[in-house]
Protein backbone atom coordinates (compact mmCIF):
# COMPACT_ATOMS: atom_id res chain seq x y z
CA MET A 1 29.16 -30.37 -1.13
CA PHE A 2 27.43 -30.18 -3.90
CA SER A 3 25.20 -32.66 -5.65
CA PRO A 4 22.23 -33.79 -6.55
CA LEU A 5 18.57 -34.26 -4.40
CA SER A 6 17.69 -37.36 -6.49
CA SER A 7 19.91 -40.42 -4.31
CA GLY A 8 18.83 -37.87 -1.21
CA PRO A 9 15.57 -37.28 -0.09
CA ASP A 10 12.57 -39.10 -1.92
CA ASP A 11 9.78 -36.71 0.33
CA VAL A 12 8.88 -33.46 1.77
CA ARG A 13 6.21 -32.23 4.20
CA LEU A 14 4.74 -29.30 5.69
CA VAL A 15 4.18 -29.38 9.69
CA GLY A 16 3.07 -27.12 12.46
CA GLY A 17 0.97 -24.93 10.38
CA SER A 18 -2.36 -24.30 9.78
CA GLY A 19 -2.92 -27.46 6.42
CA ARG A 20 -0.64 -29.82 4.49
CA CYS A 21 0.41 -26.14 2.59
CA ALA A 22 2.00 -23.91 5.24
CA GLY A 23 4.16 -24.81 7.49
CA THR A 24 7.56 -26.02 8.84
CA LEU A 25 9.60 -27.48 5.80
CA GLU A 26 11.05 -31.19 6.02
CA MET A 27 12.42 -33.42 4.09
CA LEU A 28 12.65 -37.44 3.76
CA HIS A 29 16.54 -39.14 3.44
CA GLY A 30 16.79 -42.43 5.01
CA GLY A 31 14.50 -42.72 6.22
CA GLU A 32 14.30 -40.05 9.16
CA TRP A 33 12.54 -36.79 8.23
CA ARG A 34 15.16 -33.52 8.18
CA GLY A 35 14.97 -29.63 8.56
CA VAL A 36 15.78 -27.11 5.47
CA THR A 37 18.10 -24.17 6.69
CA ALA A 38 17.37 -20.59 5.37
CA ASP A 39 21.02 -19.32 4.83
CA ARG A 40 19.89 -19.03 0.97
CA TRP A 41 16.90 -19.95 0.65
CA SER A 42 13.89 -17.58 -1.94
CA LEU A 43 10.74 -17.94 -3.30
CA LYS A 44 12.03 -20.40 -6.40
CA GLU A 45 12.64 -23.17 -3.88
CA ALA A 46 9.78 -22.63 -2.01
CA ALA A 47 7.16 -22.77 -5.22
CA VAL A 48 9.18 -26.27 -6.63
CA VAL A 49 8.11 -27.50 -2.59
CA CYS A 50 4.54 -26.41 -3.54
CA ARG A 51 4.74 -27.54 -6.62
CA GLN A 52 4.95 -30.86 -5.66
CA LEU A 53 2.96 -30.95 -2.54
CA GLY A 54 -0.57 -29.88 -5.35
CA CYS A 55 -0.60 -26.21 -3.24
CA GLY A 56 -0.69 -23.68 -6.00
CA SER A 57 2.13 -21.11 -5.98
CA ALA A 58 4.11 -20.07 -2.73
CA VAL A 59 2.69 -16.47 -1.54
CA LYS A 60 6.10 -16.69 1.19
CA SER A 61 8.61 -18.20 2.95
CA PRO A 62 8.55 -17.40 6.61
CA MET A 63 11.79 -18.02 8.65
CA SER A 64 12.92 -18.06 12.13
CA VAL A 65 16.38 -18.56 14.55
CA SER A 66 16.29 -22.07 15.41
CA GLY A 67 15.11 -22.46 19.57
CA GLY A 68 15.70 -26.70 19.03
CA ASP A 69 18.75 -29.11 19.78
CA GLU A 70 22.18 -27.06 18.34
CA THR A 71 23.09 -30.61 16.89
CA GLU A 72 20.42 -31.24 15.16
CA TRP A 73 21.59 -30.86 10.83
CA GLY A 74 19.24 -30.60 8.12
CA PHE A 75 19.62 -29.67 4.31
CA HIS A 76 21.09 -26.33 1.72
CA ILE A 77 19.05 -26.82 -1.39
CA ALA A 78 18.98 -24.85 -4.50
CA CYS A 79 16.57 -25.58 -7.46
CA LYS A 80 15.50 -22.84 -10.62
CA GLY A 81 12.17 -22.21 -9.98
CA SER A 82 11.11 -24.55 -12.61
CA GLU A 83 10.89 -28.25 -11.27
CA SER A 84 8.64 -30.39 -10.53
CA ALA A 85 9.42 -31.83 -7.42
CA VAL A 86 12.34 -30.87 -5.34
CA LYS A 87 14.49 -33.55 -5.89
CA GLU A 88 15.71 -32.58 -8.83
CA CYS A 89 17.12 -29.76 -7.23
CA THR A 90 21.07 -29.65 -5.97
CA MET A 91 21.61 -30.11 -2.08
CA LEU A 92 24.66 -27.18 -1.63
CA TYR A 93 25.74 -29.41 1.30
CA SER A 94 24.25 -30.52 5.28
CA SER A 95 24.65 -28.28 8.32
CA LYS A 96 23.18 -27.32 11.73
CA ILE A 97 19.72 -25.80 11.21
CA ARG A 98 20.75 -22.57 12.33
CA TYR A 99 17.72 -20.56 10.40
CA PRO A 100 14.38 -23.28 9.90
CA VAL A 101 12.44 -22.43 6.54
CA GLY A 102 9.19 -22.17 6.35
CA VAL A 103 6.68 -22.33 3.38
CA VAL A 104 2.78 -21.23 3.33
CA CYS A 105 1.27 -22.04 -0.32
CA SER A 106 -2.22 -20.61 -2.14
CA ASP A 107 -4.04 -24.09 -1.59
CA SER A 108 -6.56 -22.87 -4.14
CA VAL A 109 -4.57 -19.97 -7.01
CA ARG A 110 -2.06 -20.25 -9.18
CA LEU A 111 -0.03 -18.98 -12.05
CA MET A 112 0.82 -21.40 -14.54
CA ASP A 113 4.03 -21.13 -16.96
CA GLY A 114 4.76 -18.15 -16.33
CA ALA A 115 8.42 -15.96 -16.66
CA GLY A 116 7.67 -15.72 -12.42
CA LEU A 117 6.21 -16.15 -9.42
CA CYS A 118 4.16 -12.98 -10.91
CA SER A 119 2.83 -13.94 -13.81
CA GLY A 120 1.73 -16.91 -15.47
CA ARG A 121 -2.18 -18.81 -16.99
CA LEU A 122 -4.42 -18.76 -13.54
CA GLU A 123 -5.65 -22.14 -12.34
CA VAL A 124 -8.28 -22.62 -9.52
CA LYS A 125 -8.34 -25.44 -7.58
CA SER A 126 -11.66 -27.21 -7.00
CA HIS A 127 -13.11 -29.97 -5.41
CA GLN A 128 -9.34 -31.12 -5.08
CA SER A 129 -8.37 -30.56 -8.44
CA TRP A 130 -7.34 -27.39 -11.37
CA THR A 131 -9.18 -25.29 -13.56
CA SER A 132 -8.71 -22.50 -15.65
CA VAL A 133 -10.38 -19.86 -15.95
CA CYS A 134 -12.45 -18.70 -18.89
CA GLU A 135 -11.75 -14.70 -18.70
CA ALA A 136 -15.52 -13.77 -19.01
CA ASP A 137 -16.01 -14.87 -15.92
CA PHE A 138 -12.95 -12.41 -14.67
CA ASP A 139 -12.20 -8.48 -14.21
CA GLN A 140 -10.15 -6.21 -13.28
CA LYS A 141 -11.14 -6.22 -9.30
CA ASP A 142 -11.17 -10.19 -9.64
CA ALA A 143 -7.05 -9.96 -11.15
CA GLU A 144 -6.53 -7.14 -7.94
CA VAL A 145 -7.55 -9.66 -5.38
CA VAL A 146 -5.46 -12.84 -6.79
CA CYS A 147 -2.64 -10.63 -6.77
CA ARG A 148 -3.00 -9.79 -3.42
CA GLU A 149 -3.33 -13.69 -2.60
CA LEU A 150 0.29 -14.33 -4.25
CA SER A 151 2.12 -11.82 -2.70
CA CYS A 152 2.49 -9.50 -5.39
CA GLY A 153 2.30 -6.28 -7.06
CA THR A 154 -0.74 -4.73 -8.78
CA PRO A 155 -1.91 -6.64 -11.83
CA GLN A 156 -0.37 -5.12 -14.74
CA ILE A 157 -1.53 -6.87 -17.92
CA LEU A 158 -4.99 -9.04 -18.00
CA GLN A 159 -4.59 -11.56 -20.94
CA GLU A 160 -0.74 -12.13 -22.18
CA PRO A 161 -0.93 -14.22 -24.62
CA LEU A 162 2.72 -15.80 -24.27
CA PHE A 163 0.96 -18.74 -21.57
CA GLY A 164 -0.28 -21.09 -23.39
CA GLU A 165 -3.85 -22.93 -23.15
CA GLY A 166 -2.91 -25.79 -20.26
CA GLU A 167 -3.76 -29.38 -19.58
CA HIS A 168 -7.21 -28.27 -17.23
CA PRO A 169 -10.31 -27.19 -17.82
CA PHE A 170 -12.78 -24.46 -17.47
CA GLY A 171 -14.45 -24.23 -14.43
CA THR A 172 -18.14 -23.42 -13.55
CA LYS A 173 -17.04 -20.53 -11.24
CA GLU A 174 -17.78 -16.78 -12.23
CA PHE A 175 -15.92 -14.63 -9.82
CA GLN A 176 -17.65 -11.44 -8.14
CA CYS A 177 -15.28 -9.89 -6.27
CA ASN A 178 -15.25 -6.05 -5.17
CA ASP A 179 -10.96 -5.43 -4.96
CA THR A 180 -11.48 -5.88 -0.66
CA GLU A 181 -10.69 -9.41 -0.64
CA ASN A 182 -7.58 -11.19 0.64
CA ARG A 183 -8.64 -14.94 -1.34
CA LEU A 184 -10.43 -15.54 -4.97
CA LEU A 185 -12.39 -18.54 -3.44
CA THR A 186 -13.53 -15.88 -0.33
CA CYS A 187 -15.64 -14.07 -3.88
CA SER A 188 -19.34 -14.86 -5.00
CA THR A 189 -18.41 -16.89 -7.01
CA PRO A 190 -22.36 -18.22 -8.70
CA ASP A 191 -22.20 -21.40 -10.29
CA ARG A 192 -22.86 -22.04 -12.97
CA GLU A 193 -24.38 -25.15 -14.93
CA GLU A 194 -22.62 -25.51 -17.44
CA GLN A 195 -19.06 -23.97 -18.55
CA ASN A 196 -18.96 -22.15 -22.78
CA CYS A 197 -15.86 -21.04 -22.93
CA ALA A 198 -14.30 -20.87 -25.90
CA PRO A 199 -10.28 -22.50 -26.94
CA GLY A 200 -7.93 -18.89 -26.00
CA LYS A 201 -9.84 -17.32 -23.86
CA ALA A 202 -8.18 -18.57 -20.30
CA VAL A 203 -7.10 -16.00 -17.98
CA ARG A 204 -3.74 -14.86 -18.08
CA LEU A 205 -2.10 -12.75 -15.84
CA THR A 206 0.89 -10.06 -14.98
CA CYS A 207 0.79 -8.85 -11.55
CA SER A 208 4.11 -6.16 -10.99
CA GLU A 209 6.76 -7.34 -8.15
CA PRO A 210 5.85 -6.05 -5.13
CA ASP A 211 7.93 -2.49 -4.12
CA GLY A 212 10.91 -4.30 -3.08
CA MET A 213 12.20 -1.22 0.46
CA ARG A 214 10.62 0.78 2.51
CA LEU A 215 10.62 2.45 5.81
CA VAL A 216 8.82 2.27 8.45
CA GLU A 217 8.35 3.22 12.12
CA GLY A 218 9.83 7.16 11.31
CA ASN A 219 6.57 9.34 11.05
CA SER A 220 7.54 10.28 7.59
CA ARG A 221 8.10 7.46 4.69
CA CYS A 222 11.79 8.91 3.92
CA ALA A 223 12.86 7.53 7.72
CA GLY A 224 12.84 5.30 9.82
CA THR A 225 14.08 1.66 9.63
CA VAL A 226 14.94 -0.59 6.12
CA GLU A 227 12.40 -3.11 5.15
CA MET A 228 13.08 -5.48 1.67
CA PHE A 229 10.45 -7.43 1.17
CA TYR A 230 12.01 -11.03 0.85
CA ASN A 231 10.88 -14.10 0.31
CA GLY A 232 6.88 -12.50 -0.14
CA GLN A 233 7.16 -10.76 3.08
CA TRP A 234 8.94 -7.55 5.09
CA ARG A 235 11.86 -7.53 6.91
CA LYS A 236 13.87 -6.16 8.38
CA VAL A 237 17.36 -4.90 7.05
CA VAL A 238 20.57 -6.16 9.78
CA ALA A 239 22.57 -3.11 10.03
CA ASP A 240 26.22 -5.43 9.57
CA VAL A 241 27.28 -3.72 6.28
CA TRP A 242 24.82 -0.64 6.70
CA ASN A 243 26.58 2.78 5.64
CA ILE A 244 25.70 6.36 3.92
CA GLU A 245 26.45 4.96 0.56
CA MET A 246 23.47 2.12 1.02
CA ALA A 247 21.09 4.29 2.93
CA ALA A 248 21.17 6.94 -0.29
CA SER A 249 20.11 4.12 -2.89
CA VAL A 250 17.79 3.58 -0.63
CA CYS A 251 16.24 7.08 -0.40
CA LYS A 252 16.93 7.73 -4.06
CA LYS A 253 15.00 4.25 -5.21
CA LEU A 254 11.59 5.34 -2.28
CA ASP A 255 12.32 9.25 -4.56
CA CYS A 256 12.73 10.85 -1.00
CA GLY A 257 16.03 13.23 -2.20
CA SER A 258 19.85 12.64 -0.33
CA ALA A 259 20.34 10.77 2.40
CA LEU A 260 20.87 12.85 4.87
CA ALA A 261 22.08 10.43 7.98
CA ALA A 262 22.63 6.29 7.92
CA THR A 263 21.63 4.96 11.48
CA LYS A 264 22.29 1.65 13.42
CA THR A 265 19.87 0.73 16.42
CA LYS A 266 19.15 -2.24 18.82
CA THR A 267 16.49 -3.86 18.35
CA GLY A 268 14.72 -3.48 21.59
CA ARG A 269 12.89 -7.09 21.10
CA ASP A 270 13.57 -9.96 24.21
CA GLU A 271 13.37 -12.66 21.06
CA PRO A 272 15.28 -13.41 18.49
CA GLU A 273 14.42 -11.94 15.00
CA VAL A 274 15.66 -13.00 11.26
CA GLY A 275 16.58 -10.09 9.35
CA VAL A 276 17.97 -9.47 5.90
CA LEU A 277 21.49 -8.29 4.73
CA ILE A 278 21.47 -6.31 1.56
CA SER A 279 23.99 -4.99 -0.82
CA CYS A 280 23.72 -2.46 -2.76
CA SER A 281 25.54 -1.21 -6.20
CA ARG A 282 27.72 1.68 -6.34
CA THR A 283 27.12 1.83 -11.13
CA ASN A 284 23.17 1.06 -10.50
CA ALA A 285 23.09 3.68 -7.46
CA ILE A 286 18.94 2.96 -6.99
CA LYS A 287 19.60 -1.31 -6.98
CA CYS A 288 19.67 -3.02 -4.02
CA HIS A 289 19.48 -6.90 -3.50
CA PRO A 290 19.09 -9.58 -0.48
CA ILE A 291 23.06 -11.38 0.03
CA ARG A 292 21.18 -13.73 2.59
CA ILE A 293 19.50 -13.87 6.00
CA ARG A 294 20.67 -13.10 9.04
CA GLN A 295 20.19 -12.93 13.20
CA ILE A 296 19.31 -9.24 14.25
CA ASP A 297 21.91 -7.52 16.34
CA ARG A 298 21.31 -3.46 15.08
CA LEU A 299 19.05 -2.30 12.70
CA ALA A 300 19.80 -0.47 9.41
CA GLY A 301 17.20 2.70 9.36
CA VAL A 302 18.33 5.65 7.28
CA ILE A 303 17.19 9.90 7.31
CA CYS A 304 16.28 11.34 3.90
CA SER A 305 15.97 14.89 3.07
CA GLU A 306 12.59 15.16 2.05
CA PHE A 307 11.18 13.85 5.31
CA LEU A 308 8.99 16.91 5.88
CA ALA A 309 5.52 16.50 4.27
CA GLN A 310 5.00 19.55 1.44
CA PRO A 311 2.45 22.16 3.47
CA THR A 312 -0.55 23.65 1.71
CA ILE A 313 -1.05 27.43 1.05
CA SER A 314 -5.17 28.98 0.81
CA VAL A 315 -6.23 32.32 1.09
CA SER A 316 -9.84 33.36 2.67
CA THR A 317 -11.79 37.04 3.15
CA PRO A 318 -14.60 37.76 4.48
CA ILE A 319 -15.87 38.28 1.41
CA ARG A 320 -16.87 34.97 -0.53
CA VAL A 321 -13.56 35.14 -2.26
CA SER A 322 -13.96 34.23 -6.40
CA ARG A 323 -10.68 32.56 -8.51
CA SER A 324 -10.16 33.26 -12.05
CA LEU A 325 -7.16 31.78 -14.34
CA GLN A 326 -4.23 33.83 -12.67
CA GLY A 327 -5.87 32.71 -9.26
CA PRO A 328 -7.76 33.86 -6.45
CA GLU A 329 -9.10 37.37 -6.33
CA VAL A 330 -9.10 39.69 -2.94
CA PHE A 331 -10.38 43.00 -3.34
CA ARG A 332 -8.81 46.45 -2.77
CA GLY A 333 -8.96 47.96 0.70
CA TYR A 334 -10.62 44.87 2.29
CA SER A 335 -8.70 42.30 4.15
CA PHE A 336 -7.42 38.64 3.71
CA THR A 337 -5.48 35.90 5.30
CA ILE A 338 -3.20 33.97 4.14
CA THR A 339 -3.04 30.37 6.34
CA CYS A 340 -0.44 27.47 6.09
CA SER A 341 -0.79 23.99 7.15
CA THR A 342 1.02 20.97 7.33
CA GLN A 343 0.31 17.64 8.54
CA PRO A 344 0.65 16.35 11.92
CA GLN A 345 4.07 14.09 11.71
CA TYR A 346 5.98 16.02 14.77
CA PRO A 347 4.73 19.40 16.71
CA GLY A 348 6.27 22.19 16.77
CA GLY A 349 8.46 24.38 14.65
CA SER A 350 7.53 27.36 12.55
CA PHE A 351 5.82 28.31 8.97
CA HIS A 352 7.11 31.21 6.84
CA LEU A 353 5.76 33.20 4.53
CA ARG A 354 7.60 34.54 1.51
CA LEU A 355 5.83 37.49 0.00
CA PRO A 356 5.69 38.95 -3.29
CA TRP A 357 7.83 42.01 -2.75
CA ASN A 358 11.45 42.63 -1.17
CA ASN A 359 11.84 39.14 -1.42
CA ARG A 360 10.22 39.96 2.70
CA SER A 361 8.64 36.45 4.65
CA ASP A 362 7.15 37.09 7.84
CA SER A 363 7.29 34.47 10.71
CA GLN A 364 4.87 32.42 12.99
CA ALA A 365 5.16 29.42 14.97
CA ALA A 366 2.57 26.54 14.26
CA VAL A 367 -0.20 26.18 16.45
CA SER A 368 -1.70 22.29 15.65
CA HIS A 369 -0.13 22.35 12.48
CA SER A 370 -0.57 25.44 10.81
CA ALA A 371 -0.07 29.35 11.23
CA SER A 372 -2.81 32.12 9.54
CA PHE A 373 -1.19 35.62 8.11
CA LEU A 374 -4.18 37.84 8.34
CA PHE A 375 -3.36 41.77 5.86
CA PRO A 376 -6.09 43.89 7.38
CA THR A 377 -6.66 46.08 4.03
CA ALA A 378 -5.86 44.91 0.48
CA ASN A 379 -4.30 47.24 -1.95
CA ASP A 380 -1.72 46.44 -5.27
CA SER A 381 1.81 45.23 -3.04
CA HIS A 382 -0.14 42.55 -2.18
CA GLN A 383 -0.65 41.09 -5.59
CA GLY A 384 2.04 38.17 -6.96
CA ASN A 385 3.09 34.84 -5.68
CA TYR A 386 3.06 33.61 -1.81
CA SER A 387 4.47 30.08 -0.27
CA CYS A 388 5.02 28.71 2.54
CA VAL A 389 7.70 27.26 4.27
CA TYR A 390 7.60 24.71 6.79
CA GLU A 391 10.56 24.34 9.49
CA ASN A 392 11.13 21.62 12.32
CA GLN A 393 14.32 20.45 14.39
CA VAL A 394 13.90 16.95 14.57
CA ILE A 395 15.86 14.54 16.98
CA PHE A 396 15.44 10.96 16.01
CA GLN A 397 16.60 8.05 18.62
CA ASN A 398 19.58 6.12 17.18
CA ASP A 399 22.68 4.34 17.79
CA VAL A 400 25.12 5.50 16.29
CA PHE A 401 24.81 7.81 12.80
CA GLN A 402 26.83 8.62 9.77
CA LYS A 403 26.52 11.18 7.32
CA GLU A 404 28.44 11.66 3.89
CA ASN A 405 31.71 13.35 4.87
CA GLN A 406 32.42 10.52 7.39
CA SER A 407 31.52 6.92 4.33
CA ARG A 408 35.23 7.42 3.72
CA PHE A 409 37.33 6.96 6.64
CA HIS A 410 34.31 4.30 7.82
CA ARG A 411 32.99 6.68 10.90
CA TRP A 412 29.71 6.73 13.34
CA SER A 413 29.29 8.97 15.73
CA PRO A 414 26.71 8.26 18.67
CA GLY A 415 23.16 9.18 18.63
CA PRO A 416 20.61 10.77 18.69
CA PHE A 417 21.07 12.55 15.21
CA ASN A 418 19.15 15.85 14.76
CA TYR A 419 18.28 17.77 11.79
CA ASN A 420 16.52 21.36 11.57
CA PHE A 421 14.00 20.38 8.19
CA SER A 422 12.47 22.57 6.69
CA SER A 423 9.58 21.77 3.23
CA GLU A 424 8.55 24.67 0.79
CA SER A 425 4.90 24.81 -0.57
CA GLU A 426 3.50 25.45 -4.05
CA PRO A 427 3.37 29.25 -5.03
CA HIS A 428 0.02 30.32 -4.83
CA SER A 429 -1.00 33.11 -6.92
CA LEU A 430 -3.17 36.29 -5.60
CA ILE A 431 -4.99 38.57 -8.03
CA VAL A 432 -6.43 41.74 -6.00
CA THR A 433 -9.49 43.17 -8.11
CA ASP A 434 -11.60 46.61 -7.51
CA PHE A 435 -14.86 45.66 -5.66
CA SER A 436 -18.18 45.74 -7.71
CA TRP A 437 -21.64 45.75 -6.24
CA THR A 438 -22.90 44.19 -9.01
CA PRO A 439 -22.44 40.73 -8.50
CA PHE A 440 -23.61 40.92 -5.09
CA ILE A 441 -27.25 42.70 -5.79
CA THR A 442 -28.19 40.48 -8.57
CA ARG A 443 -27.44 37.67 -6.02
CA MET A 444 -29.71 39.11 -3.54
CA LEU A 445 -32.97 39.52 -5.55
CA LEU A 446 -32.66 36.87 -7.77
CA VAL A 447 -32.32 34.68 -5.29
CA PRO A 448 -35.25 35.76 -3.59
CA PHE A 449 -37.01 35.98 -7.41
CA LEU A 450 -36.53 32.44 -7.92
CA MET A 451 -38.12 31.47 -4.13
CA LEU A 452 -41.07 33.10 -5.03
CA ILE A 453 -41.07 31.49 -8.31
CA THR A 454 -40.68 28.29 -6.84
CA CYS A 455 -43.50 28.94 -3.74
CA SER A 456 -46.05 30.36 -6.76
CA PHE A 457 -45.87 27.47 -8.65
CA ILE A 458 -46.58 25.18 -5.90
CA PHE A 459 -49.40 27.20 -4.48
CA LEU A 460 -51.14 26.81 -8.01
CA ILE A 461 -50.77 23.11 -7.97
CA PHE A 462 -52.34 22.90 -5.31
CA ASN A 463 -54.89 24.84 -5.76
CA LYS A 464 -55.92 23.30 -9.29
CA CYS A 465 -55.39 19.60 -7.97
CA GLY A 466 -55.58 19.56 -3.83
CA HIS A 467 -59.52 18.61 -4.08
CA PHE A 468 -58.35 15.22 -5.64
CA PHE A 469 -56.45 15.05 -2.91
CA ILE A 470 -59.07 15.91 -0.37
CA ARG A 471 -61.85 13.06 -1.99
CA GLY A 472 -59.22 10.07 -2.06
CA ALA A 473 -58.56 10.82 1.35
CA GLY A 474 -62.35 11.17 2.25
CA GLN A 475 -63.40 7.90 0.44
CA GLU A 476 -60.79 5.99 2.30
CA ARG A 477 -61.52 7.44 5.39
CA ALA A 478 -65.15 6.39 4.31
CA ALA A 479 -64.53 3.16 3.81
CA ALA A 480 -62.35 2.28 6.18
CA ALA A 481 -65.51 3.06 8.51
CA VAL A 482 -68.02 1.03 7.15
CA PRO A 483 -66.31 -2.61 8.34
CA LYS A 484 -66.80 -0.97 11.93
CA GLU A 485 -70.12 -0.27 11.85
CA SER A 486 -71.56 -3.45 9.95
CA ILE A 487 -69.38 -5.06 13.25
CA GLN A 488 -71.97 -2.81 15.61
CA LEU A 489 -74.93 -3.65 13.83
CA ILE A 490 -74.01 -8.00 13.91
CA SER A 491 -73.10 -7.43 17.15
CA LEU A 492 -76.34 -6.00 18.17
């Protein structure tokens, strides 16, 4: 059923939240309040609700699995996002409410007349009325707070000229944020008696859209449970149609290399949870988009090839090492140590030090996520490029997994999935040179000489001016003693 809402719901409200601008959405229809089901709900519809209620911009639209009467019915609605009231949207059909819609509005900040939810002319609610903000009273730190409050990304354009002037007057607040606040009105805002902002100087801001995908609960940014930023908040991706090809799209989008495995895992939660069903385009490997929300049975996960963090390499010697343009220098005939280390993602593993001669390598087990390789006597053969390779076999707990060669047959293997990962450091160039006593002798003579000059200078200054300090201190003590003697004489 497709029909406009002009003859349907004639009012909206948000109930059960922290105020009139947050809560579960209900619409008045035929004298009765009904809920809205969220199967295809988006922030475009939420923006219309916030606009109708005078509550600023839509920040997020939380959803849950219905715990009410299974016979309760509500609305499916669709909006373009530009409507001034929900009755201007279209009713798709009415049905049983599986996923009640919640709406959270920013009741104090909004971006108007922009190209999307994260761009427009900035307006702030003060004393129950909306006011524009003068660009002279607003800077980059203030913009960071606004974008954060509206669940957008980082500020991209400040003073975009395309959003118009608006109909509201300028306010008298000057915002002084330090970029740690989550709401603009919690920033320091000294008031002024009057506002002298010229026309055309209203703040116009464009924030980036939030990063759409991330991986969590995997000890690495390149492995874990897949989450998508949907309707203003992070939601887990359900694994109903999940496969290795979709996992490859996620790895590529996150710059994590190729997909080693797609995984499916039970939620492990007693309470039902709402996730999002997604689809990834085969024509554009880094484009994934939400289809609808759905109750989670299994979670979608991915393990990408760039799972391990890149190790680091450093050189140390008993004698202070110098550095040339080509790299650190060690002295011929003296010992030096090369240390490999990595971030503490997983215990164990081993380091392999690639040597500059004969493509050889030395190996050691990782202890506290590092390993040290000692070279007792440096010679010309030690000169060249070194690198550290860290290897570790990691076991991932999951119900089933799918690798690339299984995708064409739609096969899944029982978990867990394990893989021997490796990651190599940047090459480190080492120069072997002859030891010279000259800089050490210079340092041994120069430092005592400078200390002697400093002490002599302090002694001369004190010797010349010290009697003034002593005389002044004696006068102060004498002056302090006079009142005491006077008091004693009076008491006699």
